[in-house]
Amino acid sequence: MVIPTTGRNVRHGGGRALSLRSVPGSTTLNANDAVIIGTGGAVTITLPDPTALLSSGTLPAGREFSVKNINAAALTVVSAGTATIDGATSKTLAQYESRRYVTDGTNWYAI
């Protein structure tokens, strides 16, 4: 059974359904996103600026996004603002690689 969501985690039958978005081109993630699948060539996924969203109450520390690349071309993950990802300005996912990104409210960490 497919349960459409509006970007929020929902529970159904004891399980959890996450919002899923396939992106054929570059995009910036928002608070409604949870699982992102890169489907097009030369995709750049921009994680939200954790500092700005933490101060607005939109993105709490501990928030995570899951990103998977199913395209033959590499997918690049960057962060908005001055936040880094494991101390770097970007991370790259090869075809069929996936990674979770979690924020501490200041930076992002690949898990």
Protein backbone atom coordinates (compact mmCIF):
# COMPACT_ATOMS: atom_id res chain seq x y z
CA MET A 1 0.00 0.00 0.00
CA VAL A 2 1.36 3.42 -0.93
CA ILE A 3 0.58 6.19 1.51
CA PRO A 4 1.02 9.68 0.12
CA THR A 5 2.60 12.08 2.59
CA THR A 6 3.02 15.81 2.64
CA GLY A 7 6.63 15.62 3.71
CA ARG A 8 5.93 14.48 7.25
CA ASN A 9 6.70 11.15 8.83
CA VAL A 10 3.51 9.19 9.32
CA ARG A 11 2.74 5.92 11.06
CA HIS A 12 0.66 3.26 9.43
CA GLY A 13 0.02 -0.22 10.75
CA GLY A 14 2.86 0.04 13.26
CA GLY A 15 5.39 1.09 10.61
CA ARG A 16 6.73 4.44 9.55
CA ALA A 17 6.38 6.01 6.12
CA LEU A 18 8.77 8.78 5.15
CA SER A 19 8.28 11.39 2.48
CA LEU A 20 10.07 10.31 -0.68
CA ARG A 21 11.05 12.65 -3.48
CA SER A 22 12.77 11.72 -6.73
CA VAL A 23 14.73 14.61 -8.22
CA PRO A 24 15.92 14.61 -11.84
CA GLY A 25 17.89 17.84 -11.34
CA SER A 26 19.53 19.93 -8.67
CA THR A 27 17.41 20.93 -5.68
CA THR A 28 17.54 22.40 -2.19
CA LEU A 29 16.02 20.27 0.56
CA ASN A 30 13.47 21.65 2.97
CA ALA A 31 11.83 20.61 6.24
CA ASN A 32 9.26 18.51 4.36
CA ASP A 33 11.90 16.24 2.80
CA ALA A 34 13.14 12.98 4.30
CA VAL A 35 14.32 10.59 1.57
CA ILE A 36 15.70 11.95 -1.70
CA ILE A 37 16.56 9.90 -4.77
CA GLY A 38 18.71 11.55 -7.43
CA THR A 39 17.56 10.29 -10.83
CA GLY A 40 19.15 12.69 -13.31
CA GLY A 41 22.66 13.49 -14.46
CA ALA A 42 24.82 16.07 -12.70
CA VAL A 43 22.48 16.43 -9.70
CA THR A 44 23.47 18.65 -6.78
CA ILE A 45 21.50 18.27 -3.56
CA THR A 46 21.77 21.25 -1.21
CA LEU A 47 21.17 20.55 2.47
CA PRO A 48 19.47 23.42 4.32
CA ASP A 49 21.56 25.82 6.40
CA PRO A 50 21.22 24.22 9.85
CA THR A 51 22.04 27.40 11.77
CA ALA A 52 19.31 29.48 10.11
CA LEU A 53 16.69 26.76 10.37
CA LEU A 54 17.59 25.88 13.96
CA SER A 55 17.11 29.49 15.05
CA SER A 56 13.72 29.61 13.29
CA GLY A 57 12.65 26.33 14.88
CA THR A 58 12.10 24.75 11.45
CA LEU A 59 14.99 22.28 11.57
CA PRO A 60 15.95 20.85 14.96
CA ALA A 61 19.37 19.45 15.84
CA GLY A 62 19.31 15.74 15.10
CA ARG A 63 17.32 16.22 11.89
CA GLU A 64 18.39 13.86 9.14
CA PHE A 65 17.97 13.45 5.40
CA SER A 66 18.67 10.28 3.41
CA VAL A 67 20.05 10.70 -0.11
CA LYS A 68 20.53 8.00 -2.76
CA ASN A 69 21.95 8.30 -6.25
CA ILE A 70 20.55 5.90 -8.86
CA ASN A 71 22.02 7.70 -11.86
CA ALA A 72 25.31 6.73 -13.55
CA ALA A 73 26.65 10.27 -13.03
CA ALA A 74 27.94 11.29 -9.60
CA LEU A 75 25.58 13.15 -7.28
CA THR A 76 27.01 16.02 -5.23
CA VAL A 77 25.73 16.98 -1.78
CA VAL A 78 26.51 20.48 -0.47
CA SER A 79 25.25 22.60 2.42
CA ALA A 80 23.65 26.02 2.24
CA GLY A 81 25.31 28.75 4.27
CA THR A 82 28.69 28.17 5.88
CA ALA A 83 27.93 24.73 7.30
CA THR A 84 30.19 21.85 6.30
CA ILE A 85 29.62 18.13 5.81
CA ASP A 86 32.19 16.24 7.88
CA GLY A 87 34.40 19.32 7.62
CA ALA A 88 34.20 19.45 3.81
CA THR A 89 32.24 21.74 1.50
CA SER A 90 30.75 18.81 -0.45
CA LYS A 91 30.37 15.03 -0.61
CA THR A 92 29.92 12.89 -3.71
CA LEU A 93 27.79 9.78 -4.15
CA ALA A 94 28.52 7.33 -6.96
CA GLN A 95 25.75 5.36 -8.67
CA TYR A 96 23.67 3.35 -6.17
CA GLU A 97 25.42 4.87 -3.14
CA SER A 98 23.33 6.33 -0.36
CA ARG A 99 24.10 8.28 2.77
CA ARG A 100 22.25 9.79 5.69
CA TYR A 101 23.09 13.36 6.70
CA VAL A 102 22.43 14.48 10.28
CA THR A 103 22.84 17.98 11.72
CA ASP A 104 23.97 19.08 15.15
CA GLY A 105 22.45 22.50 14.48
CA THR A 106 25.71 23.92 13.14
CA ASN A 107 27.09 21.44 10.58
CA TRP A 108 26.15 18.21 8.81
CA TYR A 109 27.57 14.74 9.37
CA ALA A 110 27.46 11.83 6.91
CA ILE A 111 26.31 8.69 8.69
